[in-house]
C-alpha atoms as a PDB file:
ATOM      1  CA  MET A   1      19.167 -22.702  65.555  1.00  0.00           C
ATOM      2  CA  SER A   2      22.269 -23.385  63.600  1.00  0.00           C
ATOM      3  CA  GLU A   3      23.030 -26.836  62.008  1.00  0.00           C
ATOM      4  CA  GLN A   4      25.189 -28.181  64.251  1.00  0.00           C
ATOM      5  CA  THR A   5      23.129 -26.612  66.893  1.00  0.00           C
ATOM      6  CA  LYS A   6      20.033 -28.755  65.565  1.00  0.00           C
ATOM      7  CA  GLU A   7      22.448 -31.473  64.916  1.00  0.00           C
ATOM      8  CA  SER A   8      22.859 -31.433  68.983  1.00  0.00           C
ATOM      9  CA  ALA A   9      18.978 -31.793  69.777  1.00  0.00           C
ATOM     10  CA  LEU A  10      17.978 -34.504  67.259  1.00  0.00           C
ATOM     11  CA  ARG A  11      21.707 -36.722  68.842  1.00  0.00           C
ATOM     12  CA  TYR A  12      19.846 -36.053  72.411  1.00  0.00           C
ATOM     13  CA  VAL A  13      16.535 -36.435  71.620  1.00  0.00           C
ATOM     14  CA  TYR A  14      17.125 -39.756  69.409  1.00  0.00           C
ATOM     15  CA  GLY A  15      20.475 -40.817  70.244  1.00  0.00           C
ATOM     16  CA  LEU A  16      20.308 -40.528  74.255  1.00  0.00           C
ATOM     17  CA  GLN A  17      16.574 -39.537  75.056  1.00  0.00           C
ATOM     18  CA  VAL A  18      17.243 -36.666  76.507  1.00  0.00           C
ATOM     19  CA  SER A  19      14.518 -33.539  75.798  1.00  0.00           C
ATOM     20  CA  CYS A  20      15.785 -30.125  74.995  1.00  0.00           C
ATOM     21  CA  LEU A  21      14.825 -26.963  74.726  1.00  0.00           C
ATOM     22  CA  PRO A  22      15.139 -24.060  72.675  1.00  0.00           C
ATOM     23  CA  LEU A  23      17.668 -21.064  74.001  1.00  0.00           C
ATOM     24  CA  VAL A  24      17.464 -17.236  73.329  1.00  0.00           C
ATOM     25  CA  GLY A  25      20.908 -17.272  70.838  1.00  0.00           C
ATOM     26  CA  GLY A  26      23.706 -15.684  73.181  1.00  0.00           C
ATOM     27  CA  LYS A  27      21.208 -16.213  76.324  1.00  0.00           C
ATOM     28  CA  LYS A  28      20.365 -18.605  78.368  1.00  0.00           C
ATOM     29  CA  THR A  29      17.009 -18.306  78.512  1.00  0.00           C
ATOM     30  CA  PRO A  30      14.395 -19.967  77.058  1.00  0.00           C
ATOM     31  CA  SER A  31      13.009 -19.102  73.557  1.00  0.00           C
ATOM     32  CA  ILE A  32       9.578 -19.837  73.818  1.00  0.00           C
ATOM     33  CA  ASP A  33       7.396 -19.667  76.747  1.00  0.00           C
ATOM     34  CA  SER A  34       5.973 -23.424  76.145  1.00  0.00           C
ATOM     35  CA  TRP A  35       9.391 -24.963  77.089  1.00  0.00           C
ATOM     36  CA  LYS A  36       7.977 -26.438  80.422  1.00  0.00           C
ATOM     37  CA  VAL A  37       6.318 -29.338  78.409  1.00  0.00           C
ATOM     38  CA  TYR A  38       9.341 -30.538  77.548  1.00  0.00           C
ATOM     39  CA  GLN A  39       9.376 -31.002  80.951  1.00  0.00           C
ATOM     40  CA  GLU A  40       6.564 -33.959  80.066  1.00  0.00           C
ATOM     41  CA  ARG A  41       8.136 -35.013  76.919  1.00  0.00           C
ATOM     42  CA  PHE A  42      10.403 -34.612  74.084  1.00  0.00           C
ATOM     43  CA  PRO A  43      10.601 -31.994  71.365  1.00  0.00           C
ATOM     44  CA  SER A  44       9.827 -34.043  68.157  1.00  0.00           C
ATOM     45  CA  GLY A  45      12.194 -33.524  65.128  1.00  0.00           C
ATOM     46  CA  VAL A  46       9.854 -31.160  63.343  1.00  0.00           C
ATOM     47  CA  GLU A  47       9.583 -28.934  66.220  1.00  0.00           C
ATOM     48  CA  ILE A  48      13.314 -28.712  66.494  1.00  0.00           C
ATOM     49  CA  VAL A  49      14.078 -28.724  62.705  1.00  0.00           C
ATOM     50  CA  SER A  50      12.240 -25.865  61.814  1.00  0.00           C
ATOM     51  CA  GLY A  51       9.230 -24.714  64.692  1.00  0.00           C
ATOM     52  CA  TRP A  52      11.961 -23.737  67.476  1.00  0.00           C
ATOM     53  CA  PRO A  53      14.072 -19.798  66.622  1.00  0.00           C
ATOM     54  CA  MET A  54      16.938 -19.507  64.407  1.00  0.00           C
ATOM     55  CA  GLY A  55      19.852 -19.004  65.874  1.00  0.00           C
ATOM     56  CA  SER A  56      18.584 -20.322  68.839  1.00  0.00           C
ATOM     57  CA  ASN A  57      21.030 -21.131  71.862  1.00  0.00           C
ATOM     58  CA  LEU A  58      19.936 -25.343  73.123  1.00  0.00           C
ATOM     59  CA  GLY A  59      19.255 -26.250  76.975  1.00  0.00           C
ATOM     60  CA  ILE A  60      18.923 -30.166  78.228  1.00  0.00           C
ATOM     61  CA  VAL A  61      15.951 -30.364  79.980  1.00  0.00           C
ATOM     62  CA  THR A  62      17.349 -32.205  83.772  1.00  0.00           C
ATOM     63  CA  GLY A  63      14.723 -34.016  86.288  1.00  0.00           C
ATOM     64  CA  SER A  64      13.187 -37.451  85.638  1.00  0.00           C
ATOM     65  CA  ILE A  65      12.085 -36.693  82.103  1.00  0.00           C
ATOM     66  CA  SER A  66      15.910 -37.193  80.997  1.00  0.00           C
ATOM     67  CA  ARG A  67      17.255 -39.769  83.653  1.00  0.00           C
ATOM     68  CA  ILE A  68      19.332 -36.033  84.579  1.00  0.00           C
ATOM     69  CA  VAL A  69      20.632 -34.268  86.941  1.00  0.00           C
ATOM     70  CA  VAL A  70      23.777 -31.477  86.743  1.00  0.00           C
ATOM     71  CA  VAL A  71      25.734 -30.493  89.312  1.00  0.00           C
ATOM     72  CA  ASP A  72      26.800 -27.216  88.181  1.00  0.00           C
ATOM     73  CA  CYS A  73      30.372 -25.410  89.946  1.00  0.00           C
ATOM     74  CA  GLU A  74      30.720 -21.810  89.364  1.00  0.00           C
ATOM     75  CA  SER A  75      34.253 -21.672  89.437  1.00  0.00           C
ATOM     76  CA  ILE A  76      37.386 -24.970  88.540  1.00  0.00           C
ATOM     77  CA  ASP A  77      38.153 -24.254  92.794  1.00  0.00           C
ATOM     78  CA  ASP A  78      34.077 -25.405  93.401  1.00  0.00           C
ATOM     79  CA  ALA A  79      34.776 -27.444  90.715  1.00  0.00           C
ATOM     80  CA  LYS A  80      38.109 -29.199  91.849  1.00  0.00           C
ATOM     81  CA  TRP A  81      36.083 -29.336  95.676  1.00  0.00           C
ATOM     82  CA  PHE A  82      33.349 -31.218  94.361  1.00  0.00           C
ATOM     83  CA  TRP A  83      35.407 -34.132  92.398  1.00  0.00           C
ATOM     84  CA  GLU A  84      38.227 -34.566  95.814  1.00  0.00           C
ATOM     85  CA  SER A  85      34.708 -34.248  98.665  1.00  0.00           C
ATOM     86  CA  ARG A  86      31.408 -35.143  96.942  1.00  0.00           C
ATOM     87  CA  GLY A  87      31.908 -37.381  93.368  1.00  0.00           C
ATOM     88  CA  LYS A  88      33.173 -38.136  89.749  1.00  0.00           C
ATOM     89  CA  THR A  89      31.278 -38.933  86.447  1.00  0.00           C
ATOM     90  CA  THR A  90      31.675 -39.602  83.221  1.00  0.00           C
ATOM     91  CA  ALA A  91      30.222 -36.738  81.517  1.00  0.00           C
ATOM     92  CA  VAL A  92      31.307 -33.421  81.996  1.00  0.00           C
ATOM     93  CA  VAL A  93      31.385 -30.185  80.159  1.00  0.00           C
ATOM     94  CA  GLU A  94      33.061 -26.932  80.540  1.00  0.00           C
ATOM     95  CA  THR A  95      31.701 -23.562  81.033  1.00  0.00           C
ATOM     96  CA  PRO A  96      32.674 -20.336  80.299  1.00  0.00           C
ATOM     97  CA  ARG A  97      33.424 -19.864  83.774  1.00  0.00           C
ATOM     98  CA  GLY A  98      33.601 -23.337  85.174  1.00  0.00           C
ATOM     99  CA  ILE A  99      31.727 -27.024  85.088  1.00  0.00           C
ATOM    100  CA  HIS A 100      28.654 -29.156  85.152  1.00  0.00           C
ATOM    101  CA  PHE A 101      28.581 -32.804  86.139  1.00  0.00           C
ATOM    102  CA  TYR A 102      26.138 -34.880  85.084  1.00  0.00           C
ATOM    103  CA  PHE A 103      24.913 -37.617  86.938  1.00  0.00           C
ATOM    104  CA  ARG A 104      22.042 -40.292  86.098  1.00  0.00           C
ATOM    105  CA  HIS A 105      18.887 -39.189  88.198  1.00  0.00           C
ATOM    106  CA  PRO A 106      18.655 -41.572  91.342  1.00  0.00           C
ATOM    107  CA  GLY A 107      14.446 -41.975  90.514  1.00  0.00           C
ATOM    108  CA  GLN A 108      13.934 -40.351  93.507  1.00  0.00           C
ATOM    109  CA  HIS A 109      12.591 -36.769  93.489  1.00  0.00           C
ATOM    110  CA  VAL A 110      15.942 -33.971  92.860  1.00  0.00           C
ATOM    111  CA  GLY A 111      14.492 -30.251  93.504  1.00  0.00           C
ATOM    112  CA  ASN A 112      16.414 -27.472  92.074  1.00  0.00           C
ATOM    113  CA  ALA A 113      18.701 -26.308  94.262  1.00  0.00           C
ATOM    114  CA  GLN A 114      21.308 -22.955  94.788  1.00  0.00           C
ATOM    115  CA  ARG A 115      24.563 -22.345  96.487  1.00  0.00           C
ATOM    116  CA  VAL A 116      24.874 -25.742  97.989  1.00  0.00           C
ATOM    117  CA  LYS A 117      27.363 -24.795 100.959  1.00  0.00           C
ATOM    118  CA  ASP A 118      30.116 -27.114 102.197  1.00  0.00           C
ATOM    119  CA  ASP A 119      30.496 -28.233 105.342  1.00  0.00           C
ATOM    120  CA  ALA A 120      32.378 -24.189 106.480  1.00  0.00           C
ATOM    121  CA  GLY A 121      29.400 -22.199 104.746  1.00  0.00           C
ATOM    122  CA  ASN A 122      30.928 -21.556 101.820  1.00  0.00           C
ATOM    123  CA  PRO A 123      28.209 -21.838  98.773  1.00  0.00           C
ATOM    124  CA  ARG A 124      30.065 -24.624  96.326  1.00  0.00           C
ATOM    125  CA  TYR A 125      27.617 -25.801  93.275  1.00  0.00           C
ATOM    126  CA  ASP A 126      24.157 -25.592  92.586  1.00  0.00           C
ATOM    127  CA  ILE A 127      21.842 -28.476  91.670  1.00  0.00           C
ATOM    128  CA  ARG A 128      19.917 -28.656  88.275  1.00  0.00           C
ATOM    129  CA  GLY A 129      17.117 -31.952  88.669  1.00  0.00           C
ATOM    130  CA  ASP A 130      12.903 -32.131  88.667  1.00  0.00           C
ATOM    131  CA  GLY A 131      11.745 -28.472  86.974  1.00  0.00           C
ATOM    132  CA  GLY A 132      15.257 -26.943  85.788  1.00  0.00           C
ATOM    133  CA  TYR A 133      17.251 -27.235  82.869  1.00  0.00           C
ATOM    134  CA  VAL A 134      20.734 -26.141  81.739  1.00  0.00           C
ATOM    135  CA  VAL A 135      22.695 -25.128  78.641  1.00  0.00           C
ATOM    136  CA  ALA A 136      24.136 -27.373  77.349  1.00  0.00           C
ATOM    137  CA  PRO A 137      27.139 -27.853  73.995  1.00  0.00           C
ATOM    138  CA  PRO A 138      27.365 -26.559  71.109  1.00  0.00           C
ATOM    139  CA  SER A 139      25.644 -23.409  72.557  1.00  0.00           C
ATOM    140  CA  GLU A 140      27.463 -20.205  73.299  1.00  0.00           C
ATOM    141  CA  VAL A 141      26.901 -17.023  75.497  1.00  0.00           C
ATOM    142  CA  ILE A 142      27.739 -13.273  75.728  1.00  0.00           C
ATOM    143  CA  GLU A 143      28.705 -11.683  78.545  1.00  0.00           C
ATOM    144  CA  GLY A 144      25.305  -9.107  79.886  1.00  0.00           C
ATOM    145  CA  ASP A 145      21.584  -9.425  80.679  1.00  0.00           C
ATOM    146  CA  GLY A 146      21.942 -12.013  83.168  1.00  0.00           C
ATOM    147  CA  VAL A 147      25.337 -13.630  81.149  1.00  0.00           C
ATOM    148  CA  ALA A 148      28.412 -12.993  83.490  1.00  0.00           C
ATOM    149  CA  LYS A 149      31.145 -14.561  80.963  1.00  0.00           C
ATOM    150  CA  THR A 150      31.486 -14.542  77.177  1.00  0.00           C
ATOM    151  CA  GLY A 151      32.206 -18.346  76.232  1.00  0.00           C
ATOM    152  CA  ALA A 152      31.230 -21.944  74.588  1.00  0.00           C
ATOM    153  CA  TYR A 153      29.720 -24.604  76.172  1.00  0.00           C
ATOM    154  CA  ARG A 154      31.876 -28.074  75.388  1.00  0.00           C
ATOM    155  CA  TRP A 155      32.030 -31.712  75.988  1.00  0.00           C
ATOM    156  CA  ARG A 156      35.547 -31.959  77.845  1.00  0.00           C
ATOM    157  CA  ASP A 157      38.047 -32.915  75.616  1.00  0.00           C
ATOM    158  CA  GLY A 158      35.970 -33.921  73.171  1.00  0.00           C
ATOM    159  CA  LYS A 159      33.369 -36.742  75.578  1.00  0.00           C
ATOM    160  CA  GLN A 160      29.858 -36.054  75.405  1.00  0.00           C
ATOM    161  CA  LEU A 161      27.622 -37.964  76.640  1.00  0.00           C
ATOM    162  CA  ILE A 162      27.017 -41.880  75.377  1.00  0.00           C
ATOM    163  CA  SER A 163      24.515 -42.807  77.503  1.00  0.00           C
ATOM    164  CA  VAL A 164      22.796 -41.782  80.024  1.00  0.00           C
ATOM    165  CA  ASP A 165      22.835 -45.340  81.567  1.00  0.00           C
ATOM    166  CA  VAL A 166      26.201 -45.448  81.749  1.00  0.00           C
ATOM    167  CA  LEU A 167      26.461 -42.362  84.404  1.00  0.00           C
ATOM    168  CA  PRO A 168      27.227 -42.704  88.268  1.00  0.00           C
ATOM    169  CA  VAL A 169      24.527 -42.128  90.243  1.00  0.00           C
ATOM    170  CA  PHE A 170      23.553 -38.945  91.535  1.00  0.00           C
ATOM    171  CA  ASN A 171      23.130 -39.296  95.704  1.00  0.00           C
ATOM    172  CA  PRO A 172      20.096 -37.216  97.271  1.00  0.00           C
ATOM    173  CA  GLU A 173      22.870 -36.809 100.472  1.00  0.00           C
ATOM    174  CA  TRP A 174      24.529 -33.933  97.883  1.00  0.00           C
ATOM    175  CA  ARG A 175      20.820 -31.851  98.219  1.00  0.00           C
ATOM    176  CA  PRO A 176      20.525 -29.987 101.550  1.00  0.00           C
ATOM    177  CA  THR A 177      17.622 -29.847 103.909  1.00  0.00           C
ATOM    178  CA  ALA A 178      16.146 -26.878 104.349  1.00  0.00           C
ATOM    179  CA  ALA A 179      18.100 -26.393 107.732  1.00  0.00           C
ATOM    180  CA  SER A 180      21.199 -26.981 106.529  1.00  0.00           C
ATOM    181  CA  GLN A 181      21.441 -24.017 104.732  1.00  0.00           C
ATOM    182  CA  ALA A 182      19.440 -21.110 105.944  1.00  0.00           C
ATOM    183  CA  TYR A 183      21.426 -19.137 107.952  1.00  0.00           C
ATOM    184  CA  THR A 184      21.395 -15.609 109.396  1.00  0.00           C
ATOM    185  CA  SER A 185      22.810 -13.391 106.287  1.00  0.00           C
ATOM    186  CA  LYS A 186      20.629  -9.396 105.809  1.00  0.00           C
ATOM    187  CA  LYS A 187      19.118 -11.480 102.667  1.00  0.00           C
ATOM    188  CA  TYR A 188      17.896 -14.492 105.455  1.00  0.00           C
ATOM    189  CA  THR A 189      16.722 -11.827 108.531  1.00  0.00           C
ATOM    190  CA  ASP A 190      15.307  -9.236 105.708  1.00  0.00           C
ATOM    191  CA  GLY A 191      12.700 -11.334 103.662  1.00  0.00           C
ATOM    192  CA  VAL A 192      11.344 -12.736 107.184  1.00  0.00           C
ATOM    193  CA  LYS A 193      10.908  -9.753 109.103  1.00  0.00           C
ATOM    194  CA  TYR A 194       9.258  -8.867 105.610  1.00  0.00           C
ATOM    195  CA  ILE A 195       7.012 -11.702 105.881  1.00  0.00           C
ATOM    196  CA  SER A 196       5.980 -11.822 110.047  1.00  0.00           C
ATOM    197  CA  SER A 197       3.513  -9.114 109.164  1.00  0.00           C
ATOM    198  CA  ILE A 198       1.808 -11.138 106.806  1.00  0.00           C
ATOM    199  CA  HIS A 199      -1.201 -13.729 107.714  1.00  0.00           C
ATOM    200  CA  ALA A 200      -2.764 -15.877 105.920  1.00  0.00           C
ATOM    201  CA  VAL A 201      -6.106 -16.917 107.013  1.00  0.00           C
ATOM    202  CA  SER A 202      -8.478 -19.551 104.974  1.00  0.00           C
ATOM    203  CA  GLY A 203     -11.272 -18.078 102.944  1.00  0.00           C
ATOM    204  CA  LYS A 204     -10.242 -14.777 103.333  1.00  0.00           C
ATOM    205  CA  GLY A 205      -7.452 -14.574 101.267  1.00  0.00           C
ATOM    206  CA  GLY A 206      -4.636 -16.980 102.605  1.00  0.00           C
ATOM    207  CA  HIS A 207      -3.639 -19.106  99.384  1.00  0.00           C
ATOM    208  CA  ASN A 208      -3.110 -15.427  97.801  1.00  0.00           C
ATOM    209  CA  ASP A 209      -1.142 -14.189 101.212  1.00  0.00           C
ATOM    210  CA  THR A 210       0.841 -17.280 100.975  1.00  0.00           C
ATOM    211  CA  TRP A 211       1.771 -16.694  97.799  1.00  0.00           C
ATOM    212  CA  ARG A 212       3.368 -13.075  98.364  1.00  0.00           C
ATOM    213  CA  ALA A 213       4.994 -14.611 101.228  1.00  0.00           C
ATOM    214  CA  VAL A 214       6.881 -16.826  98.882  1.00  0.00           C
ATOM    215  CA  ASN A 215       6.984 -14.506  96.607  1.00  0.00           C
ATOM    216  CA  VAL A 216       9.126 -11.592  98.591  1.00  0.00           C
ATOM    217  CA  LEU A 217      11.329 -14.152 100.328  1.00  0.00           C
ATOM    218  CA  ARG A 218      12.252 -15.039  96.290  1.00  0.00           C
ATOM    219  CA  ASP A 219      12.912 -12.395  95.547  1.00  0.00           C
ATOM    220  CA  SER A 220      15.056 -11.087  97.677  1.00  0.00           C
ATOM    221  CA  GLY A 221      17.689 -13.497  97.009  1.00  0.00           C
ATOM    222  CA  ILE A 222      17.622 -16.172  99.019  1.00  0.00           C
ATOM    223  CA  SER A 223      17.799 -19.755  98.033  1.00  0.00           C
ATOM    224  CA  GLU A 224      15.087 -22.534  97.709  1.00  0.00           C
ATOM    225  CA  ALA A 225      15.940 -23.822 100.527  1.00  0.00           C
ATOM    226  CA  GLU A 226      16.151 -20.745 102.224  1.00  0.00           C
ATOM    227  CA  ALA A 227      12.557 -19.823 101.517  1.00  0.00           C
ATOM    228  CA  LEU A 228      11.454 -23.209 102.174  1.00  0.00           C
ATOM    229  CA  ALA A 229      12.854 -23.331 105.919  1.00  0.00           C
ATOM    230  CA  ALA A 230      11.524 -19.517 106.193  1.00  0.00           C
ATOM    231  CA  MET A 231       8.377 -20.297 105.071  1.00  0.00           C
ATOM    232  CA  VAL A 232       8.159 -23.509 107.415  1.00  0.00           C
ATOM    233  CA  GLU A 233       8.627 -20.952 110.539  1.00  0.00           C
ATOM    234  CA  TRP A 234       6.180 -18.642 109.628  1.00  0.00           C
ATOM    235  CA  ASN A 235       3.584 -21.085 109.020  1.00  0.00           C
ATOM    236  CA  ALA A 236       3.606 -22.150 112.509  1.00  0.00           C
ATOM    237  CA  THR A 237       2.924 -18.430 113.583  1.00  0.00           C
ATOM    238  CA  ASN A 238       0.762 -16.879 110.578  1.00  0.00           C
ATOM    239  CA  ALA A 239      -0.949 -19.364 108.858  1.00  0.00           C
ATOM    240  CA  ASP A 240      -5.036 -20.038 110.099  1.00  0.00           C
ATOM    241  CA  PRO A 241      -4.598 -23.006 109.616  1.00  0.00           C
ATOM    242  CA  PRO A 242      -0.982 -23.770 108.859  1.00  0.00           C
ATOM    243  CA  TRP A 243      -0.036 -25.085 105.068  1.00  0.00           C
ATOM    244  CA  THR A 244       1.914 -29.185 105.643  1.00  0.00           C
ATOM    245  CA  VAL A 245       4.949 -29.466 104.580  1.00  0.00           C
ATOM    246  CA  ASN A 246       4.131 -31.061 101.297  1.00  0.00           C
ATOM    247  CA  GLU A 247       2.245 -27.583 100.255  1.00  0.00           C
ATOM    248  CA  LEU A 248       4.820 -25.027 101.132  1.00  0.00           C
ATOM    249  CA  LEU A 249       6.971 -27.363  99.516  1.00  0.00           C
ATOM    250  CA  HIS A 250       5.227 -27.460  95.678  1.00  0.00           C
ATOM    251  CA  LYS A 251       4.297 -23.018  96.540  1.00  0.00           C
ATOM    252  CA  VAL A 252       8.110 -22.521  97.102  1.00  0.00           C
ATOM    253  CA  ARG A 253       9.085 -24.459  93.816  1.00  0.00           C
ATOM    254  CA  ASP A 254       6.547 -22.881  91.584  1.00  0.00           C
ATOM    255  CA  ALA A 255       7.910 -19.688  92.733  1.00  0.00           C
ATOM    256  CA  PHE A 256      11.821 -20.554  92.218  1.00  0.00           C
ATOM    257  CA  ASN A 257      11.008 -21.928  88.768  1.00  0.00           C
ATOM    258  CA  GLY A 258       8.739 -19.178  87.998  1.00  0.00           C
ATOM    259  CA  GLY A 259       5.433 -20.698  88.408  1.00  0.00           C
ATOM    260  CA  SER A 260       2.934 -19.095  89.014  1.00  0.00           C
ATOM    261  CA  LYS A 261      -0.368 -19.332  92.508  1.00  0.00           C
END
């Protein structure tokens, strides 16, 4: 981790009371396996200065721990649409491809979401909330291995975040409902068709079978919201006894955030 990155991490944690994590140098992935501990506590100064790998990029942990939700637009056109159609904020990060908009956490659970659509069905933005993180300035990424474009993350016009308290509050209505995100793409229908042959019976490996169904949907390439919608339908016919919606939601979130059964 460079001196500039260390200074930024210390400012985020001690100046803004925002939790951080180290990312692989030039990449977007965590450089330590235990990064999720920073969803529950802030990293210490010792961890930042001497415990994190040299050359690491820097991430900000989103959600209630940092009181931050980030809207990720992967193109300038999508960012312009969000700015004009959904909401504006005072903290904006320019990414190699698009824009990150920072908002204050509303105080209720805000799950991550991918490819949230506009009213015409066009994917417009991702949401990074509870259980998520974003690449933060002054990180730089290199194209390849999950990175689409080489470039740096910078606060727009050099205007760094000075306080979470001054951010506008994220509107929970910007998150999709499971129904609004579900659609009949080939990925979605193929995943639903496959899990129709999976049956979960209590006492006969039902938990494992349900977990397998969730992971099939995730690996099919659909969004978290679409997977939840498919699991609710599957649950009504293929689970004995059926899971509660909250139990299904927990399993889907765990699968999409790299958790285990």
